C-alpha atoms as a PDB file:
ATOM      1  CA  MET A   1     109.051  80.578  96.355  1.00  0.00           C
ATOM      2  CA  GLU A   2     105.680  78.754  96.451  1.00  0.00           C
ATOM      3  CA  THR A   3     103.461  78.619  93.618  1.00  0.00           C
ATOM      4  CA  SER A   4      99.620  78.899  93.295  1.00  0.00           C
ATOM      5  CA  HIS A   5      97.064  77.700  90.583  1.00  0.00           C
ATOM      6  CA  ASP A   6      93.948  79.124  92.180  1.00  0.00           C
ATOM      7  CA  ALA A   7      92.057  81.669  90.416  1.00  0.00           C
ATOM      8  CA  TYR A   8      92.614  85.522  90.938  1.00  0.00           C
ATOM      9  CA  PRO A   9      92.700  86.968  93.281  1.00  0.00           C
ATOM     10  CA  GLN A  10      94.039  84.081  95.507  1.00  0.00           C
ATOM     11  CA  ASN A  11      96.969  83.396  92.896  1.00  0.00           C
ATOM     12  CA  ASN A  12      98.144  86.793  93.638  1.00  0.00           C
ATOM     13  CA  LEU A  13     101.216  86.757  95.857  1.00  0.00           C
ATOM     14  CA  THR A  14     100.506  90.030  97.738  1.00  0.00           C
ATOM     15  CA  TRP A  15      97.134  88.669  98.776  1.00  0.00           C
ATOM     16  CA  ARG A  16      98.518  84.849  99.244  1.00  0.00           C
ATOM     17  CA  ILE A  17     101.192  86.557 101.767  1.00  0.00           C
ATOM     18  CA  LEU A  18      98.769  88.746 103.622  1.00  0.00           C
ATOM     19  CA  HIS A  19      95.807  86.219 104.168  1.00  0.00           C
ATOM     20  CA  LYS A  20      98.357  83.808 105.314  1.00  0.00           C
ATOM     21  CA  ALA A  21      99.369  86.066 107.766  1.00  0.00           C
ATOM     22  CA  GLN A  22      95.937  86.969 108.565  1.00  0.00           C
ATOM     23  CA  LYS A  23      94.971  83.529 109.539  1.00  0.00           C
ATOM     24  CA  ASN A  24      97.894  82.925 111.444  1.00  0.00           C
ATOM     25  CA  SER A  25      98.104  86.303 113.523  1.00  0.00           C
ATOM     26  CA  TYR A  26     101.204  87.500 112.610  1.00  0.00           C
ATOM     27  CA  ALA A  27     101.807  90.792 110.325  1.00  0.00           C
ATOM     28  CA  VAL A  28     104.347  90.911 107.218  1.00  0.00           C
ATOM     29  CA  GLY A  29     106.792  93.905 106.663  1.00  0.00           C
ATOM     30  CA  ALA A  30     106.098  96.280 103.489  1.00  0.00           C
ATOM     31  CA  PHE A  31     109.913  97.679 103.343  1.00  0.00           C
ATOM     32  CA  ASN A  32     110.281 100.854 101.040  1.00  0.00           C
ATOM     33  CA  CYS A  33     113.048 100.405  98.927  1.00  0.00           C
ATOM     34  CA  TYR A  34     115.091 103.252  97.368  1.00  0.00           C
ATOM     35  CA  ASN A  35     118.007 101.321  95.868  1.00  0.00           C
ATOM     36  CA  ASP A  36     119.410  97.978  95.165  1.00  0.00           C
ATOM     37  CA  ASP A  37     121.134  98.209  98.783  1.00  0.00           C
ATOM     38  CA  GLY A  38     117.311  98.020 100.067  1.00  0.00           C
ATOM     39  CA  VAL A  39     116.145  95.306  97.809  1.00  0.00           C
ATOM     40  CA  LEU A  40     118.958  93.057  98.632  1.00  0.00           C
ATOM     41  CA  ALA A  41     118.687  93.882 102.509  1.00  0.00           C
ATOM     42  CA  VAL A  42     114.817  93.052 102.163  1.00  0.00           C
ATOM     43  CA  ILE A  43     115.713  89.647 100.386  1.00  0.00           C
ATOM     44  CA  ARG A  44     118.576  88.472 102.515  1.00  0.00           C
ATOM     45  CA  ALA A  45     116.410  89.361 105.777  1.00  0.00           C
ATOM     46  CA  ALA A  46     113.791  87.406 104.472  1.00  0.00           C
ATOM     47  CA  GLU A  47     115.665  84.120 103.902  1.00  0.00           C
ATOM     48  CA  ALA A  48     117.640  84.315 106.941  1.00  0.00           C
ATOM     49  CA  LYS A  49     114.341  84.734 108.936  1.00  0.00           C
ATOM     50  CA  LYS A  50     112.643  82.352 106.705  1.00  0.00           C
ATOM     51  CA  SER A  51     110.063  84.997 106.953  1.00  0.00           C
ATOM     52  CA  PRO A  52     107.640  86.212 104.212  1.00  0.00           C
ATOM     53  CA  ALA A  53     108.052  90.146 103.016  1.00  0.00           C
ATOM     54  CA  ILE A  54     107.041  93.008 100.569  1.00  0.00           C
ATOM     55  CA  ILE A  55     109.375  95.339  98.655  1.00  0.00           C
ATOM     56  CA  GLN A  56     107.723  98.457  98.449  1.00  0.00           C
ATOM     57  CA  LEU A  57     108.400 100.986  95.979  1.00  0.00           C
ATOM     58  CA  PHE A  58     107.372 104.839  95.741  1.00  0.00           C
ATOM     59  CA  PRO A  59     106.320 106.290  92.541  1.00  0.00           C
ATOM     60  CA  TRP A  60     109.565 108.343  92.589  1.00  0.00           C
ATOM     61  CA  THR A  61     111.479 105.158  91.689  1.00  0.00           C
ATOM     62  CA  LEU A  62     109.412 104.833  88.178  1.00  0.00           C
ATOM     63  CA  HIS A  63     110.669 108.466  87.457  1.00  0.00           C
ATOM     64  CA  PHE A  64     114.308 108.248  88.851  1.00  0.00           C
ATOM     65  CA  GLN A  65     115.375 104.668  88.102  1.00  0.00           C
ATOM     66  CA  GLY A  66     112.913 103.826  85.443  1.00  0.00           C
ATOM     67  CA  PRO A  67     110.749 100.873  84.721  1.00  0.00           C
ATOM     68  CA  ASP A  68     113.685  98.572  84.230  1.00  0.00           C
ATOM     69  CA  PHE A  69     114.724  99.038  87.673  1.00  0.00           C
ATOM     70  CA  VAL A  70     111.415  97.911  88.650  1.00  0.00           C
ATOM     71  CA  ARG A  71     111.473  94.892  86.442  1.00  0.00           C
ATOM     72  CA  TYR A  72     114.693  93.879  88.079  1.00  0.00           C
ATOM     73  CA  VAL A  73     113.510  94.107  91.690  1.00  0.00           C
ATOM     74  CA  VAL A  74     110.714  91.843  90.691  1.00  0.00           C
ATOM     75  CA  ALA A  75     112.974  89.218  89.058  1.00  0.00           C
ATOM     76  CA  ARG A  76     115.150  89.527  92.324  1.00  0.00           C
ATOM     77  CA  ALA A  77     112.093  89.069  94.860  1.00  0.00           C
ATOM     78  CA  HIS A  78     110.424  86.237  92.946  1.00  0.00           C
ATOM     79  CA  ALA A  79     113.630  84.475  92.673  1.00  0.00           C
ATOM     80  CA  ALA A  80     114.104  84.107  96.829  1.00  0.00           C
ATOM     81  CA  SER A  81     113.870  80.912  98.279  1.00  0.00           C
ATOM     82  CA  VAL A  82     111.059  82.574 100.437  1.00  0.00           C
ATOM     83  CA  PRO A  83     107.535  84.732  98.928  1.00  0.00           C
ATOM     84  CA  ILE A  84     108.298  88.081  98.631  1.00  0.00           C
ATOM     85  CA  ALA A  85     106.039  90.477  96.684  1.00  0.00           C
ATOM     86  CA  VAL A  86     106.950  93.849  94.970  1.00  0.00           C
ATOM     87  CA  HIS A  87     104.265  96.634  95.556  1.00  0.00           C
ATOM     88  CA  LEU A  88     103.998  99.970  94.325  1.00  0.00           C
ATOM     89  CA  ASP A  89     103.154 102.348  97.333  1.00  0.00           C
ATOM     90  CA  HIS A  90     100.807 105.772  96.698  1.00  0.00           C
ATOM     91  CA  CYS A  91     100.361 106.284  93.304  1.00  0.00           C
ATOM     92  CA  ILE A  92      98.562 109.273  93.136  1.00  0.00           C
ATOM     93  CA  ASP A  93      98.977 110.736  89.545  1.00  0.00           C
ATOM     94  CA  ASP A  94      97.350 109.085  86.714  1.00  0.00           C
ATOM     95  CA  SER A  95     100.763 108.371  84.704  1.00  0.00           C
ATOM     96  CA  ASP A  96     102.158 106.824  87.339  1.00  0.00           C
ATOM     97  CA  VAL A  97      99.250 104.487  87.414  1.00  0.00           C
ATOM     98  CA  GLU A  98      99.364 103.819  83.957  1.00  0.00           C
ATOM     99  CA  THR A  99     102.810 103.048  84.128  1.00  0.00           C
ATOM    100  CA  ALA A 100     102.421 100.607  87.163  1.00  0.00           C
ATOM    101  CA  LEU A 101      99.799  98.763  84.987  1.00  0.00           C
ATOM    102  CA  SER A 102     102.173  97.953  82.675  1.00  0.00           C
ATOM    103  CA  LEU A 103     105.017  96.367  84.914  1.00  0.00           C
ATOM    104  CA  PRO A 104     105.012  92.757  86.492  1.00  0.00           C
ATOM    105  CA  LEU A 105     104.136  94.301  89.893  1.00  0.00           C
ATOM    106  CA  ASP A 106     102.406  92.097  92.752  1.00  0.00           C
ATOM    107  CA  SER A 107     100.052  94.887  93.829  1.00  0.00           C
ATOM    108  CA  ILE A 108      99.712  98.567  93.512  1.00  0.00           C
ATOM    109  CA  MET A 109      98.054 101.083  96.194  1.00  0.00           C
ATOM    110  CA  VAL A 110      96.067 103.543  94.334  1.00  0.00           C
ATOM    111  CA  ASP A 111      95.824 106.854  96.236  1.00  0.00           C
ATOM    112  CA  ALA A 112      93.264 108.684  95.650  1.00  0.00           C
ATOM    113  CA  SER A 113      92.784 110.091  99.425  1.00  0.00           C
ATOM    114  CA  GLY A 114      92.709 113.901  98.195  1.00  0.00           C
ATOM    115  CA  LEU A 115      89.882 113.336  96.348  1.00  0.00           C
ATOM    116  CA  GLU A 116      86.395 113.766  97.666  1.00  0.00           C
ATOM    117  CA  PRO A 117      84.978 110.349  98.955  1.00  0.00           C
ATOM    118  CA  GLU A 118      82.845 109.534  96.164  1.00  0.00           C
ATOM    119  CA  THR A 119      85.416 110.465  93.565  1.00  0.00           C
ATOM    120  CA  ASN A 120      87.547 108.333  95.250  1.00  0.00           C
ATOM    121  CA  ILE A 121      85.485 105.438  95.047  1.00  0.00           C
ATOM    122  CA  ALA A 122      84.762 105.948  91.422  1.00  0.00           C
ATOM    123  CA  TYR A 123      88.327 106.189  90.706  1.00  0.00           C
ATOM    124  CA  CYS A 124      89.566 103.250  92.629  1.00  0.00           C
ATOM    125  CA  SER A 125      86.811 100.658  91.321  1.00  0.00           C
ATOM    126  CA  GLY A 126      88.089 101.831  87.566  1.00  0.00           C
ATOM    127  CA  ILE A 127      91.664 100.969  88.612  1.00  0.00           C
ATOM    128  CA  ALA A 128      90.890  97.846  90.570  1.00  0.00           C
ATOM    129  CA  ARG A 129      88.724  96.388  87.434  1.00  0.00           C
ATOM    130  CA  ARG A 130      91.460  96.955  85.143  1.00  0.00           C
ATOM    131  CA  ALA A 131      94.068  95.818  87.503  1.00  0.00           C
ATOM    132  CA  ALA A 132      92.375  92.384  87.979  1.00  0.00           C
ATOM    133  CA  LYS A 133      92.632  91.689  84.575  1.00  0.00           C
ATOM    134  CA  LEU A 134      96.433  92.142  84.609  1.00  0.00           C
ATOM    135  CA  GLY A 135      96.419  90.026  88.008  1.00  0.00           C
ATOM    136  CA  ILE A 136      97.438  92.664  90.308  1.00  0.00           C
ATOM    137  CA  THR A 137      95.892  93.543  93.528  1.00  0.00           C
ATOM    138  CA  VAL A 138      94.776  96.976  94.707  1.00  0.00           C
ATOM    139  CA  GLU A 139      95.321  98.673  97.979  1.00  0.00           C
ATOM    140  CA  ALA A 140      93.585 101.734  98.609  1.00  0.00           C
ATOM    141  CA  GLU A 141      93.100 104.704 101.492  1.00  0.00           C
ATOM    142  CA  MET A 142      89.743 105.365 102.873  1.00  0.00           C
ATOM    143  CA  GLY A 143      89.756 108.481 104.799  1.00  0.00           C
ATOM    144  CA  ARG A 144      93.214 110.794 104.373  1.00  0.00           C
ATOM    145  CA  ILE A 145      96.291 110.350 106.670  1.00  0.00           C
ATOM    146  CA  GLU A 146      98.240 113.409 107.295  1.00  0.00           C
ATOM    147  CA  GLY A 147     101.737 114.008 106.215  1.00  0.00           C
ATOM    148  CA  GLY A 148     104.028 113.240 103.759  1.00  0.00           C
ATOM    149  CA  GLU A 149     106.808 110.866 103.153  1.00  0.00           C
ATOM    150  CA  ASP A 150     110.365 110.559 101.105  1.00  0.00           C
ATOM    151  CA  GLY A 151     109.670 110.745  97.501  1.00  0.00           C
ATOM    152  CA  LEU A 152     105.925 111.777  97.752  1.00  0.00           C
ATOM    153  CA  LYS A 153     104.710 115.284  97.190  1.00  0.00           C
ATOM    154  CA  THR A 154     102.672 116.326 100.263  1.00  0.00           C
ATOM    155  CA  MET A 155      99.203 117.399  99.905  1.00  0.00           C
ATOM    156  CA  GLU A 156      98.112 120.575 101.742  1.00  0.00           C
ATOM    157  CA  LEU A 157      95.247 118.608 103.290  1.00  0.00           C
ATOM    158  CA  GLU A 158      94.408 118.152 106.714  1.00  0.00           C
ATOM    159  CA  GLY A 159      93.558 114.484 107.683  1.00  0.00           C
ATOM    160  CA  LEU A 160      90.022 112.935 107.207  1.00  0.00           C
ATOM    161  CA  LEU A 161      89.519 109.709 109.396  1.00  0.00           C
ATOM    162  CA  THR A 162      87.868 106.520 108.130  1.00  0.00           C
ATOM    163  CA  ASP A 163      84.185 105.968 109.027  1.00  0.00           C
ATOM    164  CA  PRO A 164      83.932 102.214 110.330  1.00  0.00           C
ATOM    165  CA  HIS A 165      80.102 102.780 109.080  1.00  0.00           C
ATOM    166  CA  THR A 166      80.921 103.134 105.975  1.00  0.00           C
ATOM    167  CA  ALA A 167      84.117 101.051 105.408  1.00  0.00           C
ATOM    168  CA  GLN A 168      82.168  98.117 104.467  1.00  0.00           C
ATOM    169  CA  GLU A 169      80.742 100.001 101.260  1.00  0.00           C
ATOM    170  CA  PHE A 170      83.751 101.776 100.361  1.00  0.00           C
ATOM    171  CA  VAL A 171      85.391  98.090 100.233  1.00  0.00           C
ATOM    172  CA  ARG A 172      82.653  96.809  98.161  1.00  0.00           C
ATOM    173  CA  ARG A 173      82.053  99.340  95.498  1.00  0.00           C
ATOM    174  CA  THR A 174      85.832  99.843  94.976  1.00  0.00           C
ATOM    175  CA  GLY A 175      86.480  96.123  94.630  1.00  0.00           C
ATOM    176  CA  VAL A 176      89.716  96.897  96.458  1.00  0.00           C
ATOM    177  CA  HIS A 177      91.912  93.783  97.955  1.00  0.00           C
ATOM    178  CA  PHE A 178      93.370  95.881 100.866  1.00  0.00           C
ATOM    179  CA  LEU A 179      92.561  98.876 102.819  1.00  0.00           C
ATOM    180  CA  ALA A 180      94.775 101.537 104.534  1.00  0.00           C
ATOM    181  CA  PRO A 181      92.711 103.303 107.493  1.00  0.00           C
ATOM    182  CA  SER A 182      93.063 106.818 108.582  1.00  0.00           C
ATOM    183  CA  PHE A 183      92.576 106.621 112.460  1.00  0.00           C
ATOM    184  CA  GLY A 184      95.322 108.886 113.826  1.00  0.00           C
ATOM    185  CA  ASN A 185      98.285 107.506 112.273  1.00  0.00           C
ATOM    186  CA  VAL A 186     100.365 110.266 110.426  1.00  0.00           C
ATOM    187  CA  HIS A 187     102.833 109.689 107.364  1.00  0.00           C
ATOM    188  CA  GLY A 188     106.462 111.069 108.505  1.00  0.00           C
ATOM    189  CA  PRO A 189     107.351 111.972 112.164  1.00  0.00           C
ATOM    190  CA  TYR A 190     104.690 112.095 114.401  1.00  0.00           C
ATOM    191  CA  PRO A 191     104.047 115.593 116.669  1.00  0.00           C
ATOM    192  CA  PRO A 192     104.656 115.672 120.267  1.00  0.00           C
ATOM    193  CA  GLY A 193     102.904 112.767 122.348  1.00  0.00           C
ATOM    194  CA  GLY A 194     103.781 110.567 119.508  1.00  0.00           C
ATOM    195  CA  ALA A 195     101.459 107.647 118.075  1.00  0.00           C
ATOM    196  CA  GLU A 196     100.091 106.729 121.571  1.00  0.00           C
ATOM    197  CA  LYS A 197      98.372 110.015 121.345  1.00  0.00           C
ATOM    198  CA  PHE A 198      97.172 110.151 118.313  1.00  0.00           C
ATOM    199  CA  TRP A 199      95.950 106.604 117.528  1.00  0.00           C
ATOM    200  CA  GLN A 200      92.392 105.787 117.991  1.00  0.00           C
ATOM    201  CA  LEU A 201      92.526 102.159 118.357  1.00  0.00           C
ATOM    202  CA  ASP A 202      88.821 101.680 119.016  1.00  0.00           C
ATOM    203  CA  ARG A 203      87.950 103.201 115.818  1.00  0.00           C
ATOM    204  CA  LEU A 204      90.725 100.751 113.909  1.00  0.00           C
ATOM    205  CA  GLN A 205      89.048  97.831 115.669  1.00  0.00           C
ATOM    206  CA  ALA A 206      85.744  98.999 114.248  1.00  0.00           C
ATOM    207  CA  ILE A 207      87.170  99.298 110.693  1.00  0.00           C
ATOM    208  CA  GLY A 208      88.278  95.527 111.177  1.00  0.00           C
ATOM    209  CA  LYS A 209      85.012  94.341 112.334  1.00  0.00           C
ATOM    210  CA  ALA A 210      83.454  96.282 109.470  1.00  0.00           C
ATOM    211  CA  VAL A 211      85.343  94.865 106.697  1.00  0.00           C
ATOM    212  CA  GLY A 212      85.739  91.443 107.467  1.00  0.00           C
ATOM    213  CA  ASN A 213      88.530  88.922 107.071  1.00  0.00           C
ATOM    214  CA  ASP A 214      88.285  89.031 103.118  1.00  0.00           C
ATOM    215  CA  ILE A 215      90.235  92.653 103.703  1.00  0.00           C
ATOM    216  CA  PRO A 216      93.577  92.859 105.578  1.00  0.00           C
ATOM    217  CA  LEU A 217      94.239  96.500 106.865  1.00  0.00           C
ATOM    218  CA  VAL A 218      97.505  98.409 106.189  1.00  0.00           C
ATOM    219  CA  LEU A 219      99.234 100.574 108.814  1.00  0.00           C
ATOM    220  CA  HIS A 220     100.413 103.325 107.204  1.00  0.00           C
ATOM    221  CA  GLY A 221     102.758 105.968 109.477  1.00  0.00           C
ATOM    222  CA  THR A 222     104.762 103.951 111.498  1.00  0.00           C
ATOM    223  CA  HIS A 223     107.722 106.207 112.511  1.00  0.00           C
ATOM    224  CA  PRO A 224     108.709 105.990 115.276  1.00  0.00           C
ATOM    225  CA  VAL A 225     106.140 103.426 116.942  1.00  0.00           C
ATOM    226  CA  ALA A 226     106.960 101.140 119.890  1.00  0.00           C
ATOM    227  CA  ASP A 227     106.660  97.556 119.527  1.00  0.00           C
ATOM    228  CA  GLU A 228     103.880  97.109 121.896  1.00  0.00           C
ATOM    229  CA  LEU A 229     101.746  99.634 119.940  1.00  0.00           C
ATOM    230  CA  PHE A 230     102.293  97.530 116.719  1.00  0.00           C
ATOM    231  CA  HIS A 231     101.052  94.508 118.618  1.00  0.00           C
ATOM    232  CA  GLU A 232      98.174  96.719 119.703  1.00  0.00           C
ATOM    233  CA  ALA A 233      97.357  97.182 115.836  1.00  0.00           C
ATOM    234  CA  MET A 234      97.955  93.909 114.818  1.00  0.00           C
ATOM    235  CA  ALA A 235      95.532  92.880 117.462  1.00  0.00           C
ATOM    236  CA  ARG A 236      92.732  95.118 115.852  1.00  0.00           C
ATOM    237  CA  GLY A 237      93.021  93.609 112.224  1.00  0.00           C
ATOM    238  CA  ILE A 238      96.479  95.319 110.886  1.00  0.00           C
ATOM    239  CA  VAL A 239      98.271  92.972 108.663  1.00  0.00           C
ATOM    240  CA  LYS A 240     100.404  94.888 106.376  1.00  0.00           C
ATOM    241  CA  ILE A 241     102.888  97.166 108.153  1.00  0.00           C
ATOM    242  CA  ASN A 242     104.770  99.680 105.875  1.00  0.00           C
ATOM    243  CA  LEU A 243     108.182 100.162 107.277  1.00  0.00           C
ATOM    244  CA  ASN A 244     110.732 103.048 106.149  1.00  0.00           C
ATOM    245  CA  ARG A 245     112.843 104.674 108.522  1.00  0.00           C
ATOM    246  CA  ASN A 246     112.478 101.827 111.182  1.00  0.00           C
ATOM    247  CA  VAL A 247     114.757  99.701 109.446  1.00  0.00           C
ATOM    248  CA  ARG A 248     116.655 102.173 107.330  1.00  0.00           C
ATOM    249  CA  ASP A 249     118.038 105.148 110.091  1.00  0.00           C
ATOM    250  CA  GLU A 250     121.061 102.347 111.191  1.00  0.00           C
ATOM    251  CA  TYR A 251     121.985 102.076 107.350  1.00  0.00           C
ATOM    252  CA  THR A 252     122.010 105.544 106.260  1.00  0.00           C
ATOM    253  CA  ALA A 253     123.902 106.428 109.470  1.00  0.00           C
ATOM    254  CA  PHE A 254     126.403 103.421 108.632  1.00  0.00           C
ATOM    255  CA  VAL A 255     126.959 104.833 105.074  1.00  0.00           C
ATOM    256  CA  GLY A 256     127.010 108.460 106.176  1.00  0.00           C
ATOM    257  CA  GLU A 257     130.076 107.444 108.782  1.00  0.00           C
ATOM    258  CA  ASN A 258     131.913 104.953 106.673  1.00  0.00           C
ATOM    259  CA  TRP A 259     131.663 106.282 103.117  1.00  0.00           C
ATOM    260  CA  SER A 260     135.121 107.801 102.982  1.00  0.00           C
ATOM    261  CA  LYS A 261     136.690 104.765 104.598  1.00  0.00           C
ATOM    262  CA  ASP A 262     135.974 102.061 102.169  1.00  0.00           C
ATOM    263  CA  GLU A 263     136.105 101.102  99.060  1.00  0.00           C
ATOM    264  CA  LEU A 264     132.601 101.115  97.530  1.00  0.00           C
ATOM    265  CA  THR A 265     132.382  97.501  96.922  1.00  0.00           C
ATOM    266  CA  GLN A 266     133.204  96.864 100.855  1.00  0.00           C
ATOM    267  CA  LEU A 267     130.860  99.950 101.887  1.00  0.00           C
ATOM    268  CA  LYS A 268     128.028  98.414 100.158  1.00  0.00           C
ATOM    269  CA  GLU A 269     128.755  94.804 101.682  1.00  0.00           C
ATOM    270  CA  LYS A 270     128.754  96.206 105.087  1.00  0.00           C
ATOM    271  CA  ALA A 271     126.041  98.554 104.187  1.00  0.00           C
ATOM    272  CA  VAL A 272     123.950  95.867 103.404  1.00  0.00           C
ATOM    273  CA  LYS A 273     124.378  93.682 106.078  1.00  0.00           C
ATOM    274  CA  VAL A 274     123.318  96.463 108.519  1.00  0.00           C
ATOM    275  CA  TYR A 275     120.210  97.337 106.735  1.00  0.00           C
ATOM    276  CA  ALA A 276     119.563  93.522 106.557  1.00  0.00           C
ATOM    277  CA  LYS A 277     120.073  93.372 110.467  1.00  0.00           C
ATOM    278  CA  SER A 278     117.095  96.007 110.995  1.00  0.00           C
ATOM    279  CA  ILE A 279     114.737  94.334 109.014  1.00  0.00           C
ATOM    280  CA  GLU A 280     115.286  91.085 110.620  1.00  0.00           C
ATOM    281  CA  ARG A 281     114.498  92.697 114.219  1.00  0.00           C
ATOM    282  CA  ALA A 282     111.032  94.104 112.468  1.00  0.00           C
ATOM    283  CA  MET A 283     110.644  90.553 111.262  1.00  0.00           C
ATOM    284  CA  ASP A 284     110.949  89.293 114.570  1.00  0.00           C
ATOM    285  CA  MET A 285     109.002  91.688 116.326  1.00  0.00           C
ATOM    286  CA  LEU A 286     105.803  91.447 113.539  1.00  0.00           C
ATOM    287  CA  ARG A 287     106.240  87.505 114.148  1.00  0.00           C
ATOM    288  CA  SER A 288     106.686  86.527 110.726  1.00  0.00           C
ATOM    289  CA  SER A 289     110.219  85.046 111.328  1.00  0.00           C
ATOM    290  CA  GLY A 290     109.851  81.412 110.536  1.00  0.00           C
ATOM    291  CA  LYS A 291     106.553  81.459 109.162  1.00  0.00           C
ATOM    292  CA  ALA A 292     107.856  81.055 105.235  1.00  0.00           C
ATOM    293  CA  ALA A 293     109.322  77.626 106.748  1.00  0.00           C
END
């Protein structure tokens, strides 16, 4: 894995992965993993495709598998032959943030989108200052993306679209390094009409211009999304793309169909291969394949 002796945040692995991608016009998949199968699949796919990657965990992992599992994931990711960062997504509860800051994570998402905008800014800026002292970079959500994902509690709140005119101020006041905008994207399955109907690409482009090249944009709400629409988002500033069921469904289906046919060791080996192939296809689509060579 490449190393850096630059000062923070340039020496942070997530920061380096995303800024290199931004400079060279590709995106990096942030793959939600729930178990060791997912972790191994990301690492093997990234090494096979010579692609950078981000392994993404939910706070659910902190509670169900515990901090030691997170340490294992970080150790495995950082031992890979290509750059693979580990990111904790959607830290909503104070207790989860505190746990995250005690772990060797590369980056965390502080999700205060359920709060009023000024409270969101104040909260995110406080966490960003503390994280900086630990070498951890921070992603935040401006606005509020509707819906919910596995392992996350669903907030009964309507979406709040990101205002491009205040996006730059939000980033400046919070000190966050990556921004997850709300431009019609939805956590979980899209309503009839799909992402094509709901995404406001002009808004996304305006947000990207407002925050500038120092702040890579993050795409939440990617199931299901056509390849062409991903490319449209990339052209408008999206650099980190969160992928969950897009790359996990074939693995889940394989396990469901074969759990009683093979010994567990054989099942896991075959299932990880299926999972890795789905991730490899995503890396090709995001144009990150070969970029770690």
